[in-house]
PDB file of N, CA and C in Angstrom:
ATOM      1  N   MET A   1     100.737 -46.072  73.359  1.00  0.00           N
ATOM      2  CA  MET A   1     100.585 -44.810  74.055  1.00  0.00           C
ATOM      3  C   MET A   1      99.628 -45.034  75.221  1.00  0.00           C
ATOM      4  N   SER A   2     100.023 -44.591  76.380  1.00  0.00           N
ATOM      5  CA  SER A   2      99.169 -44.748  77.564  1.00  0.00           C
ATOM      6  C   SER A   2      98.045 -43.705  77.529  1.00  0.00           C
ATOM      7  N   GLY A   3      97.053 -43.923  78.361  1.00  0.00           N
ATOM      8  CA  GLY A   3      95.959 -42.965  78.460  1.00  0.00           C
ATOM      9  C   GLY A   3      96.438 -41.603  78.921  1.00  0.00           C
ATOM     10  N   GLU A   4      97.410 -41.606  79.834  1.00  0.00           N
ATOM     11  CA  GLU A   4      97.976 -40.348  80.310  1.00  0.00           C
ATOM     12  C   GLU A   4      98.669 -39.605  79.174  1.00  0.00           C
ATOM     13  N   MET A   5      99.443 -40.317  78.379  1.00  0.00           N
ATOM     14  CA  MET A   5     100.142 -39.689  77.254  1.00  0.00           C
ATOM     15  C   MET A   5      99.144 -39.155  76.236  1.00  0.00           C
ATOM     16  N   LEU A   6      98.116 -39.933  75.940  1.00  0.00           N
ATOM     17  CA  LEU A   6      97.093 -39.492  74.990  1.00  0.00           C
ATOM     18  C   LEU A   6      96.388 -38.241  75.503  1.00  0.00           C
ATOM     19  N   ALA A   7      96.052 -38.226  76.786  1.00  0.00           N
ATOM     20  CA  ALA A   7      95.395 -37.046  77.367  1.00  0.00           C
ATOM     21  C   ALA A   7      96.285 -35.815  77.244  1.00  0.00           C
ATOM     22  N   ARG A   8      97.573 -35.976  77.530  1.00  0.00           N
ATOM     23  CA  ARG A   8      98.497 -34.839  77.412  1.00  0.00           C
ATOM     24  C   ARG A   8      98.541 -34.311  75.974  1.00  0.00           C
ATOM     25  N   GLU A   9      98.616 -35.213  75.000  1.00  0.00           N
ATOM     26  CA  GLU A   9      98.666 -34.808  73.589  1.00  0.00           C
ATOM     27  C   GLU A   9      97.378 -34.096  73.183  1.00  0.00           C
ATOM     28  N   MET A  10      96.241 -34.637  73.611  1.00  0.00           N
ATOM     29  CA  MET A  10      94.960 -34.021  73.263  1.00  0.00           C
ATOM     30  C   MET A  10      94.841 -32.631  73.885  1.00  0.00           C
ATOM     31  N   LEU A  11      95.294 -32.488  75.119  1.00  0.00           N
ATOM     32  CA  LEU A  11      95.221 -31.196  75.798  1.00  0.00           C
ATOM     33  C   LEU A  11      96.204 -30.190  75.207  1.00  0.00           C
ATOM     34  N   ASN A  12      97.282 -30.674  74.594  1.00  0.00           N
ATOM     35  CA  ASN A  12      98.198 -29.768  73.892  1.00  0.00           C
ATOM     36  C   ASN A  12      97.524 -29.155  72.676  1.00  0.00           C
ATOM     37  N   VAL A  13      96.639 -29.922  72.047  1.00  0.00           N
ATOM     38  CA  VAL A  13      95.918 -29.439  70.866  1.00  0.00           C
ATOM     39  C   VAL A  13      94.750 -28.551  71.277  1.00  0.00           C
ATOM     40  N   ARG A  14      94.039 -28.996  72.311  1.00  0.00           N
ATOM     41  CA  ARG A  14      92.854 -28.252  72.764  1.00  0.00           C
ATOM     42  C   ARG A  14      92.769 -28.312  74.289  1.00  0.00           C
ATOM     43  N   ALA A  15      93.247 -27.286  74.936  1.00  0.00           N
ATOM     44  CA  ALA A  15      93.398 -27.258  76.388  1.00  0.00           C
ATOM     45  C   ALA A  15      92.073 -27.337  77.152  1.00  0.00           C
ATOM     46  N   ASP A  16      90.971 -26.963  76.517  1.00  0.00           N
ATOM     47  CA  ASP A  16      89.680 -26.970  77.209  1.00  0.00           C
ATOM     48  C   ASP A  16      88.900 -28.267  77.009  1.00  0.00           C
ATOM     49  N   LEU A  17      89.503 -29.269  76.409  1.00  0.00           N
ATOM     50  CA  LEU A  17      88.834 -30.535  76.142  1.00  0.00           C
ATOM     51  C   LEU A  17      88.537 -31.268  77.454  1.00  0.00           C
ATOM     52  N   PRO A  18      87.269 -31.605  77.715  1.00  0.00           N
ATOM     53  CA  PRO A  18      86.941 -32.308  78.955  1.00  0.00           C
ATOM     54  C   PRO A  18      87.248 -33.805  78.823  1.00  0.00           C
ATOM     55  N   ILE A  19      88.261 -34.260  79.535  1.00  0.00           N
ATOM     56  CA  ILE A  19      88.701 -35.648  79.419  1.00  0.00           C
ATOM     57  C   ILE A  19      88.289 -36.436  80.650  1.00  0.00           C
ATOM     58  N   ILE A  20      87.661 -37.597  80.404  1.00  0.00           N
ATOM     59  CA  ILE A  20      87.376 -38.587  81.438  1.00  0.00           C
ATOM     60  C   ILE A  20      88.241 -39.790  81.094  1.00  0.00           C
ATOM     61  N   LEU A  21      89.164 -40.132  81.966  1.00  0.00           N
ATOM     62  CA  LEU A  21      90.060 -41.260  81.724  1.00  0.00           C
ATOM     63  C   LEU A  21      89.553 -42.472  82.487  1.00  0.00           C
ATOM     64  N   CYS A  22      89.395 -43.587  81.788  1.00  0.00           N
ATOM     65  CA  CYS A  22      88.956 -44.840  82.390  1.00  0.00           C
ATOM     66  C   CYS A  22      90.159 -45.758  82.470  1.00  0.00           C
ATOM     67  N   SER A  23      90.557 -46.110  83.682  1.00  0.00           N
ATOM     68  CA  SER A  23      91.755 -46.899  83.885  1.00  0.00           C
ATOM     69  C   SER A  23      91.413 -48.305  84.353  1.00  0.00           C
ATOM     70  N   GLY A  24      92.135 -49.272  83.837  1.00  0.00           N
ATOM     71  CA  GLY A  24      91.980 -50.654  84.257  1.00  0.00           C
ATOM     72  C   GLY A  24      92.918 -51.020  85.383  1.00  0.00           C
ATOM     73  N   HIS A  25      93.765 -50.084  85.780  1.00  0.00           N
ATOM     74  CA  HIS A  25      94.717 -50.336  86.852  1.00  0.00           C
ATOM     75  C   HIS A  25      94.106 -49.991  88.194  1.00  0.00           C
ATOM     76  N   GLY A  26      94.429 -50.788  89.199  1.00  0.00           N
ATOM     77  CA  GLY A  26      93.955 -50.511  90.556  1.00  0.00           C
ATOM     78  C   GLY A  26      94.748 -49.374  91.175  1.00  0.00           C
ATOM     79  N   PRO A  27      94.216 -48.760  92.205  1.00  0.00           N
ATOM     80  CA  PRO A  27      94.880 -47.610  92.815  1.00  0.00           C
ATOM     81  C   PRO A  27      96.233 -47.925  93.445  1.00  0.00           C
ATOM     82  N   SER A  28      96.486 -49.201  93.775  1.00  0.00           N
ATOM     83  CA  SER A  28      97.749 -49.535  94.432  1.00  0.00           C
ATOM     84  C   SER A  28      98.828 -50.010  93.459  1.00  0.00           C
ATOM     85  N   GLU A  29      98.482 -50.138  92.191  1.00  0.00           N
ATOM     86  CA  GLU A  29      99.455 -50.641  91.221  1.00  0.00           C
ATOM     87  C   GLU A  29     100.515 -49.597  90.921  1.00  0.00           C
ATOM     88  N   ASP A  30     101.753 -50.066  90.704  1.00  0.00           N
ATOM     89  CA  ASP A  30     102.866 -49.173  90.407  1.00  0.00           C
ATOM     90  C   ASP A  30     102.592 -48.386  89.128  1.00  0.00           C
ATOM     91  N   GLY A  31     102.850 -47.105  89.161  1.00  0.00           N
ATOM     92  CA  GLY A  31     102.667 -46.275  87.978  1.00  0.00           C
ATOM     93  C   GLY A  31     101.245 -45.827  87.756  1.00  0.00           C
ATOM     94  N   GLU A  32     100.353 -46.144  88.687  1.00  0.00           N
ATOM     95  CA  GLU A  32      98.951 -45.754  88.551  1.00  0.00           C
ATOM     96  C   GLU A  32      98.826 -44.235  88.520  1.00  0.00           C
ATOM     97  N   LEU A  33      97.971 -43.761  87.642  1.00  0.00           N
ATOM     98  CA  LEU A  33      97.692 -42.329  87.539  1.00  0.00           C
ATOM     99  C   LEU A  33      96.717 -41.971  88.655  1.00  0.00           C
ATOM    100  N   CYS A  34      97.183 -41.325  89.700  1.00  0.00           N
ATOM    101  CA  CYS A  34      96.315 -40.992  90.832  1.00  0.00           C
ATOM    102  C   CYS A  34      95.447 -39.777  90.482  1.00  0.00           C
ATOM    103  N   HIS A  35      94.424 -39.579  91.283  1.00  0.00           N
ATOM    104  CA  HIS A  35      93.488 -38.475  91.025  1.00  0.00           C
ATOM    105  C   HIS A  35      94.193 -37.121  91.043  1.00  0.00           C
ATOM    106  N   GLN A  36      95.102 -36.918  91.990  1.00  0.00           N
ATOM    107  CA  GLN A  36      95.808 -35.639  92.067  1.00  0.00           C
ATOM    108  C   GLN A  36      96.633 -35.398  90.812  1.00  0.00           C
ATOM    109  N   ARG A  37      97.349 -36.414  90.360  1.00  0.00           N
ATOM    110  CA  ARG A  37      98.177 -36.274  89.153  1.00  0.00           C
ATOM    111  C   ARG A  37      97.293 -36.034  87.937  1.00  0.00           C
ATOM    112  N   ALA A  38      96.164 -36.729  87.869  1.00  0.00           N
ATOM    113  CA  ALA A  38      95.223 -36.533  86.755  1.00  0.00           C
ATOM    114  C   ALA A  38      94.759 -35.081  86.702  1.00  0.00           C
ATOM    115  N   LYS A  39      94.428 -34.516  87.848  1.00  0.00           N
ATOM    116  CA  LYS A  39      93.984 -33.120  87.900  1.00  0.00           C
ATOM    117  C   LYS A  39      95.096 -32.180  87.447  1.00  0.00           C
ATOM    118  N   GLU A  40      96.339 -32.464  87.847  1.00  0.00           N
ATOM    119  CA  GLU A  40      97.469 -31.628  87.453  1.00  0.00           C
ATOM    120  C   GLU A  40      97.668 -31.634  85.939  1.00  0.00           C
ATOM    121  N   ILE A  41      97.421 -32.780  85.311  1.00  0.00           N
ATOM    122  CA  ILE A  41      97.564 -32.911  83.862  1.00  0.00           C
ATOM    123  C   ILE A  41      96.453 -32.164  83.142  1.00  0.00           C
ATOM    124  N   GLY A  42      95.256 -32.150  83.752  1.00  0.00           N
ATOM    125  CA  GLY A  42      94.101 -31.516  83.119  1.00  0.00           C
ATOM    126  C   GLY A  42      92.976 -32.492  82.849  1.00  0.00           C
ATOM    127  N   ILE A  43      93.156 -33.733  83.286  1.00  0.00           N
ATOM    128  CA  ILE A  43      92.101 -34.741  83.159  1.00  0.00           C
ATOM    129  C   ILE A  43      91.032 -34.379  84.183  1.00  0.00           C
ATOM    130  N   ARG A  44      89.796 -34.293  83.732  1.00  0.00           N
ATOM    131  CA  ARG A  44      88.721 -33.814  84.616  1.00  0.00           C
ATOM    132  C   ARG A  44      88.204 -34.898  85.554  1.00  0.00           C
ATOM    133  N   GLU A  45      88.131 -36.129  85.072  1.00  0.00           N
ATOM    134  CA  GLU A  45      87.640 -37.241  85.890  1.00  0.00           C
ATOM    135  C   GLU A  45      88.488 -38.477  85.624  1.00  0.00           C
ATOM    136  N   LEU A  46      88.646 -39.306  86.642  1.00  0.00           N
ATOM    137  CA  LEU A  46      89.377 -40.562  86.539  1.00  0.00           C
ATOM    138  C   LEU A  46      88.486 -41.646  87.123  1.00  0.00           C
ATOM    139  N   ILE A  47      88.155 -42.628  86.308  1.00  0.00           N
ATOM    140  CA  ILE A  47      87.270 -43.714  86.730  1.00  0.00           C
ATOM    141  C   ILE A  47      88.015 -45.027  86.579  1.00  0.00           C
ATOM    142  N   SER A  48      87.901 -45.885  87.590  1.00  0.00           N
ATOM    143  CA  SER A  48      88.547 -47.202  87.540  1.00  0.00           C
ATOM    144  C   SER A  48      87.587 -48.225  86.949  1.00  0.00           C
ATOM    145  N   LYS A  49      88.132 -49.086  86.086  1.00  0.00           N
ATOM    146  CA  LYS A  49      87.356 -50.185  85.517  1.00  0.00           C
ATOM    147  C   LYS A  49      87.384 -51.346  86.499  1.00  0.00           C
ATOM    148  N   PRO A  50      86.373 -52.138  86.556  1.00  0.00           N
ATOM    149  CA  PRO A  50      85.088 -51.965  85.874  1.00  0.00           C
ATOM    150  C   PRO A  50      84.259 -50.911  86.593  1.00  0.00           C
ATOM    151  N   PHE A  51      83.406 -50.263  85.846  1.00  0.00           N
ATOM    152  CA  PHE A  51      82.550 -49.241  86.436  1.00  0.00           C
ATOM    153  C   PHE A  51      81.122 -49.473  85.985  1.00  0.00           C
ATOM    154  N   GLU A  52      80.200 -48.949  86.776  1.00  0.00           N
ATOM    155  CA  GLU A  52      78.780 -49.059  86.459  1.00  0.00           C
ATOM    156  C   GLU A  52      78.382 -47.901  85.550  1.00  0.00           C
ATOM    157  N   ARG A  53      77.348 -48.102  84.794  1.00  0.00           N
ATOM    158  CA  ARG A  53      76.847 -47.070  83.881  1.00  0.00           C
ATOM    159  C   ARG A  53      76.541 -45.779  84.635  1.00  0.00           C
ATOM    160  N   GLU A  54      75.970 -45.905  85.813  1.00  0.00           N
ATOM    161  CA  GLU A  54      75.615 -44.733  86.617  1.00  0.00           C
ATOM    162  C   GLU A  54      76.860 -43.927  86.993  1.00  0.00           C
ATOM    163  N   GLU A  55      77.959 -44.603  87.291  1.00  0.00           N
ATOM    164  CA  GLU A  55      79.203 -43.909  87.631  1.00  0.00           C
ATOM    165  C   GLU A  55      79.699 -43.070  86.451  1.00  0.00           C
ATOM    166  N   MET A  56      79.630 -43.635  85.241  1.00  0.00           N
ATOM    167  CA  MET A  56      80.038 -42.895  84.050  1.00  0.00           C
ATOM    168  C   MET A  56      79.076 -41.738  83.790  1.00  0.00           C
ATOM    169  N   THR A  57      77.789 -41.980  83.966  1.00  0.00           N
ATOM    170  CA  THR A  57      76.789 -40.928  83.772  1.00  0.00           C
ATOM    171  C   THR A  57      77.059 -39.742  84.684  1.00  0.00           C
ATOM    172  N   LEU A  58      77.345 -40.020  85.945  1.00  0.00           N
ATOM    173  CA  LEU A  58      77.629 -38.950  86.902  1.00  0.00           C
ATOM    174  C   LEU A  58      78.916 -38.210  86.553  1.00  0.00           C
ATOM    175  N   ALA A  59      79.929 -38.941  86.097  1.00  0.00           N
ATOM    176  CA  ALA A  59      81.195 -38.301  85.699  1.00  0.00           C
ATOM    177  C   ALA A  59      80.964 -37.364  84.514  1.00  0.00           C
ATOM    178  N   ILE A  60      80.182 -37.806  83.547  1.00  0.00           N
ATOM    179  CA  ILE A  60      79.893 -36.964  82.374  1.00  0.00           C
ATOM    180  C   ILE A  60      79.138 -35.711  82.805  1.00  0.00           C
ATOM    181  N   ARG A  61      78.186 -35.859  83.692  1.00  0.00           N
ATOM    182  CA  ARG A  61      77.434 -34.701  84.185  1.00  0.00           C
ATOM    183  C   ARG A  61      78.336 -33.714  84.907  1.00  0.00           C
ATOM    184  N   ARG A  62      79.257 -34.242  85.730  1.00  0.00           N
ATOM    185  CA  ARG A  62      80.177 -33.346  86.453  1.00  0.00           C
ATOM    186  C   ARG A  62      81.089 -32.590  85.475  1.00  0.00           C
ATOM    187  N   VAL A  63      81.564 -33.301  84.457  1.00  0.00           N
ATOM    188  CA  VAL A  63      82.501 -32.697  83.505  1.00  0.00           C
ATOM    189  C   VAL A  63      81.804 -31.674  82.614  1.00  0.00           C
ATOM    190  N   LEU A  64      80.607 -31.974  82.169  1.00  0.00           N
ATOM    191  CA  LEU A  64      79.905 -31.078  81.251  1.00  0.00           C
ATOM    192  C   LEU A  64      79.008 -30.078  81.964  1.00  0.00           C
ATOM    193  N   GLY A  65      78.728 -30.344  83.266  1.00  0.00           N
ATOM    194  CA  GLY A  65      77.789 -29.539  84.036  1.00  0.00           C
ATOM    195  C   GLY A  65      78.163 -28.125  84.133  1.00  0.00           C
TER     196      GLY A  65
END
């Protein structure tokens, strides 16, 4: 199951769940979940791997803020 599929299933159960998706795919790779598509699904933040701790910290603050 892809991260996108998992996010959709989780949001079907609980629509207000704040999801931060961490992707190992680069933005130019085929089938990449772009930021606009992530927002349409209900994913609150999309972070590309590898990421720094500070980037994750800021994403969590934005999502829970």
